[in-house]
Amino acid sequence: MKYHENPITVRFNEIDSYQVAWHGHYVSWMEVGRVALASKFKLDPVSLSKEGFLGPVISIDIKYLRPARFNDQLTVKTSLLRTETATLQFISEIADLSGNKLATGITTHAMTDLEGVLQFQLPPSILDRIEKMMEWLETA
C-alpha cells in the first residue's frame, strides 16, 4: 500500500503530565494527513461541500504503539482503502524518523448531502476523484 506523507513536529503544548504526546493529538495528526491527501484530489471538506456533500467521521480506530515526545519529528502516512459502500476509509500510520510506528488508525467517513442525508452510492464526480486518488496511490 502506498502512502501520502506529511511531516509533524510534536509541539510543547501537545505534551501531557506524563511528558508524552496526549493521545487526542494523534487524531489531529491523522486529520492533517487525511486533509493533505484529500486536497490533492479535491476530496477535502471544503471541496466536498462545494459539490453539495459532506464526509462526516462516523468511526475512528487508533492503536497506540509507542509514545511521542516533545520536539519529536514524525511522519504521518495516509492512504485510502477501497470500500463497497458510499464511505471513505482513510488509513493512517504515524512513525518517527527511524521508521518506528507510534500509532496506526482508520477513520471512516459517510457520504451525505449538505442536510446530512446519507448517500447510498457515491456521486459520479466524487467516485471519479476517488479513482484518481487510488491510481495515484498505487503508482506513488
C-alpha atoms as a PDB file:
ATOM      1  CA  MET A   1       0.000   0.000   0.000  1.00  0.00           C
ATOM      2  CA  LYS A   2       1.297   3.463  -0.928  1.00  0.00           C
ATOM      3  CA  TYR A   3       1.001   6.492   1.319  1.00  0.00           C
ATOM      4  CA  HIS A   4       0.955  10.271   1.157  1.00  0.00           C
ATOM      5  CA  GLU A   5       3.421  11.604   3.751  1.00  0.00           C
ATOM      6  CA  ASN A   6       3.263  14.682   5.992  1.00  0.00           C
ATOM      7  CA  PRO A   7       5.905  15.800   8.490  1.00  0.00           C
ATOM      8  CA  ILE A   8       4.793  16.674  12.030  1.00  0.00           C
ATOM      9  CA  THR A   9       6.869  18.096  14.892  1.00  0.00           C
ATOM     10  CA  VAL A  10       5.490  17.413  18.361  1.00  0.00           C
ATOM     11  CA  ARG A  11       4.870  20.799  19.974  1.00  0.00           C
ATOM     12  CA  PHE A  12       5.263  21.567  23.676  1.00  0.00           C
ATOM     13  CA  ASN A  13       1.522  22.187  24.092  1.00  0.00           C
ATOM     14  CA  GLU A  14       0.852  18.646  22.841  1.00  0.00           C
ATOM     15  CA  ILE A  15       2.667  17.050  25.801  1.00  0.00           C
ATOM     16  CA  ASP A  16       0.742  15.862  28.862  1.00  0.00           C
ATOM     17  CA  SER A  17       1.765  15.486  32.503  1.00  0.00           C
ATOM     18  CA  TYR A  18       3.482  12.178  31.660  1.00  0.00           C
ATOM     19  CA  GLN A  19       5.805  14.063  29.266  1.00  0.00           C
ATOM     20  CA  VAL A  20       4.395  12.282  26.202  1.00  0.00           C
ATOM     21  CA  ALA A  21       2.060  13.488  23.481  1.00  0.00           C
ATOM     22  CA  TRP A  22      -1.528  13.396  24.711  1.00  0.00           C
ATOM     23  CA  HIS A  23      -3.452  10.639  22.930  1.00  0.00           C
ATOM     24  CA  GLY A  24      -6.051  13.015  21.446  1.00  0.00           C
ATOM     25  CA  HIS A  25      -3.431  14.797  19.362  1.00  0.00           C
ATOM     26  CA  TYR A  26      -2.926  11.667  17.283  1.00  0.00           C
ATOM     27  CA  VAL A  27      -6.451  12.233  15.923  1.00  0.00           C
ATOM     28  CA  SER A  28      -5.418  15.766  14.869  1.00  0.00           C
ATOM     29  CA  TRP A  29      -2.235  14.486  13.260  1.00  0.00           C
ATOM     30  CA  MET A  30      -4.246  11.906  11.325  1.00  0.00           C
ATOM     31  CA  GLU A  31      -6.528  14.717  10.167  1.00  0.00           C
ATOM     32  CA  VAL A  32      -3.543  16.719   8.907  1.00  0.00           C
ATOM     33  CA  GLY A  33      -2.510  13.761   6.762  1.00  0.00           C
ATOM     34  CA  ARG A  34      -6.040  12.970   5.625  1.00  0.00           C
ATOM     35  CA  VAL A  35      -6.844  16.547   4.567  1.00  0.00           C
ATOM     36  CA  ALA A  36      -3.498  16.906   2.762  1.00  0.00           C
ATOM     37  CA  LEU A  37      -4.097  13.733   0.743  1.00  0.00           C
ATOM     38  CA  ALA A  38      -7.766  14.511   0.100  1.00  0.00           C
ATOM     39  CA  SER A  39      -6.923  18.072  -1.014  1.00  0.00           C
ATOM     40  CA  LYS A  40      -4.733  16.739  -3.830  1.00  0.00           C
ATOM     41  CA  PHE A  41      -7.894  15.240  -5.358  1.00  0.00           C
ATOM     42  CA  LYS A  42     -10.496  17.825  -4.283  1.00  0.00           C
ATOM     43  CA  LEU A  43     -11.963  15.452  -1.703  1.00  0.00           C
ATOM     44  CA  ASP A  44     -11.219  17.699   1.276  1.00  0.00           C
ATOM     45  CA  PRO A  45     -14.130  19.087   3.350  1.00  0.00           C
ATOM     46  CA  VAL A  46     -14.286  22.440   1.508  1.00  0.00           C
ATOM     47  CA  SER A  47     -14.238  20.839  -1.941  1.00  0.00           C
ATOM     48  CA  LEU A  48     -16.857  18.255  -0.954  1.00  0.00           C
ATOM     49  CA  SER A  49     -19.202  20.919   0.402  1.00  0.00           C
ATOM     50  CA  LYS A  50     -18.877  22.933  -2.818  1.00  0.00           C
ATOM     51  CA  GLU A  51     -20.098  19.798  -4.621  1.00  0.00           C
ATOM     52  CA  GLY A  52     -23.047  19.559  -2.210  1.00  0.00           C
ATOM     53  CA  PHE A  53     -21.722  16.795   0.006  1.00  0.00           C
ATOM     54  CA  LEU A  54     -20.197  16.191   3.413  1.00  0.00           C
ATOM     55  CA  GLY A  55     -17.965  13.413   4.684  1.00  0.00           C
ATOM     56  CA  PRO A  56     -18.500  13.313   8.463  1.00  0.00           C
ATOM     57  CA  VAL A  57     -16.412  10.927  10.532  1.00  0.00           C
ATOM     58  CA  ILE A  58     -18.533   8.004  11.697  1.00  0.00           C
ATOM     59  CA  SER A  59     -15.767   5.842  13.119  1.00  0.00           C
ATOM     60  CA  ILE A  60     -12.211   6.220  14.391  1.00  0.00           C
ATOM     61  CA  ASP A  61      -9.991   3.330  15.399  1.00  0.00           C
ATOM     62  CA  ILE A  62      -6.494   4.067  16.725  1.00  0.00           C
ATOM     63  CA  LYS A  63      -3.869   1.695  18.074  1.00  0.00           C
ATOM     64  CA  TYR A  64      -1.191   3.383  20.165  1.00  0.00           C
ATOM     65  CA  LEU A  65       2.131   1.566  19.951  1.00  0.00           C
ATOM     66  CA  ARG A  66       4.814   3.961  21.265  1.00  0.00           C
ATOM     67  CA  PRO A  67       4.749   7.431  22.793  1.00  0.00           C
ATOM     68  CA  ALA A  68       5.786  10.604  21.005  1.00  0.00           C
ATOM     69  CA  ARG A  69       7.644  13.258  22.983  1.00  0.00           C
ATOM     70  CA  PHE A  70       8.291  16.991  22.737  1.00  0.00           C
ATOM     71  CA  ASN A  71      10.134  18.003  19.581  1.00  0.00           C
ATOM     72  CA  ASP A  72       9.993  14.523  18.030  1.00  0.00           C
ATOM     73  CA  GLN A  73       9.952  14.640  14.240  1.00  0.00           C
ATOM     74  CA  LEU A  74       7.165  12.393  12.964  1.00  0.00           C
ATOM     75  CA  THR A  75       5.748  11.346   9.631  1.00  0.00           C
ATOM     76  CA  VAL A  76       2.030  10.863   9.126  1.00  0.00           C
ATOM     77  CA  LYS A  77       1.416   8.412   6.306  1.00  0.00           C
ATOM     78  CA  THR A  78      -2.092   8.384   4.852  1.00  0.00           C
ATOM     79  CA  SER A  79      -3.790   6.177   2.300  1.00  0.00           C
ATOM     80  CA  LEU A  80      -7.314   5.288   1.218  1.00  0.00           C
ATOM     81  CA  LEU A  81      -8.939   1.869   1.385  1.00  0.00           C
ATOM     82  CA  ARG A  82     -11.462   0.732  -1.221  1.00  0.00           C
ATOM     83  CA  THR A  83     -14.964   0.240   0.121  1.00  0.00           C
ATOM     84  CA  GLU A  84     -18.139  -1.216  -1.334  1.00  0.00           C
ATOM     85  CA  THR A  85     -20.282   1.480   0.285  1.00  0.00           C
ATOM     86  CA  ALA A  86     -20.650   5.258  -0.016  1.00  0.00           C
ATOM     87  CA  THR A  87     -17.896   5.831   2.518  1.00  0.00           C
ATOM     88  CA  LEU A  88     -14.290   6.946   2.533  1.00  0.00           C
ATOM     89  CA  GLN A  89     -11.895   4.957   4.705  1.00  0.00           C
ATOM     90  CA  PHE A  90      -8.534   6.556   5.351  1.00  0.00           C
ATOM     91  CA  ILE A  91      -5.736   4.536   6.897  1.00  0.00           C
ATOM     92  CA  SER A  92      -3.009   6.331   8.822  1.00  0.00           C
ATOM     93  CA  GLU A  93       0.372   5.430  10.237  1.00  0.00           C
ATOM     94  CA  ILE A  94       2.345   7.750  12.491  1.00  0.00           C
ATOM     95  CA  ALA A  95       6.043   6.955  12.698  1.00  0.00           C
ATOM     96  CA  ASP A  96       9.251   8.559  13.907  1.00  0.00           C
ATOM     97  CA  LEU A  97      12.121   9.335  11.544  1.00  0.00           C
ATOM     98  CA  SER A  98      13.697   5.941  12.282  1.00  0.00           C
ATOM     99  CA  GLY A  99      10.568   4.271  10.947  1.00  0.00           C
ATOM    100  CA  ASN A 100       9.282   3.110  14.334  1.00  0.00           C
ATOM    101  CA  LYS A 101       5.476   3.040  14.264  1.00  0.00           C
ATOM    102  CA  LEU A 102       3.939   5.091  17.052  1.00  0.00           C
ATOM    103  CA  ALA A 103       0.296   4.624  16.083  1.00  0.00           C
ATOM    104  CA  THR A 104      -1.941   3.282  13.346  1.00  0.00           C
ATOM    105  CA  GLY A 105      -5.518   4.216  12.667  1.00  0.00           C
ATOM    106  CA  ILE A 106      -8.517   4.188  10.388  1.00  0.00           C
ATOM    107  CA  THR A 107     -11.177   6.854  10.005  1.00  0.00           C
ATOM    108  CA  THR A 108     -14.426   6.104   8.212  1.00  0.00           C
ATOM    109  CA  HIS A 109     -16.443   8.923   6.655  1.00  0.00           C
ATOM    110  CA  ALA A 110     -20.040   8.582   5.498  1.00  0.00           C
ATOM    111  CA  MET A 111     -21.119  10.466   2.397  1.00  0.00           C
ATOM    112  CA  THR A 112     -24.103  12.751   2.996  1.00  0.00           C
ATOM    113  CA  ASP A 113     -25.701  15.695   1.271  1.00  0.00           C
ATOM    114  CA  LEU A 114     -25.490  19.116   2.909  1.00  0.00           C
ATOM    115  CA  GLU A 115     -28.580  18.363   5.018  1.00  0.00           C
ATOM    116  CA  GLY A 116     -26.995  15.195   6.387  1.00  0.00           C
ATOM    117  CA  VAL A 117     -28.999  12.735   4.294  1.00  0.00           C
ATOM    118  CA  LEU A 118     -26.946   9.568   3.872  1.00  0.00           C
ATOM    119  CA  GLN A 119     -25.964   8.753   0.304  1.00  0.00           C
ATOM    120  CA  PHE A 120     -26.173   5.108  -0.675  1.00  0.00           C
ATOM    121  CA  GLN A 121     -23.999   5.495  -3.745  1.00  0.00           C
ATOM    122  CA  LEU A 122     -21.014   7.707  -4.312  1.00  0.00           C
ATOM    123  CA  PRO A 123     -21.837  10.576  -6.665  1.00  0.00           C
ATOM    124  CA  PRO A 124     -20.076  10.134 -10.047  1.00  0.00           C
ATOM    125  CA  SER A 125     -17.893  13.248  -9.588  1.00  0.00           C
ATOM    126  CA  ILE A 126     -16.716  12.003  -6.167  1.00  0.00           C
ATOM    127  CA  LEU A 127     -16.195   8.452  -7.419  1.00  0.00           C
ATOM    128  CA  ASP A 128     -14.054   9.805 -10.270  1.00  0.00           C
ATOM    129  CA  ARG A 129     -11.833  11.665  -7.782  1.00  0.00           C
ATOM    130  CA  ILE A 130     -11.518   8.589  -5.591  1.00  0.00           C
ATOM    131  CA  GLU A 131     -10.446   6.535  -8.607  1.00  0.00           C
ATOM    132  CA  LYS A 132      -7.794   9.143  -9.444  1.00  0.00           C
ATOM    133  CA  MET A 133      -6.567   9.059  -5.849  1.00  0.00           C
ATOM    134  CA  MET A 134      -6.422   5.263  -5.856  1.00  0.00           C
ATOM    135  CA  GLU A 135      -4.485   5.306  -9.138  1.00  0.00           C
ATOM    136  CA  TRP A 136      -2.024   7.848  -7.697  1.00  0.00           C
ATOM    137  CA  LEU A 137      -1.613   5.819  -4.503  1.00  0.00           C
ATOM    138  CA  GLU A 138      -0.908   2.671  -6.481  1.00  0.00           C
ATOM    139  CA  THR A 139       1.800   4.414  -8.523  1.00  0.00           C
ATOM    140  CA  ALA A 140       3.181   6.862  -5.946  1.00  0.00           C
END
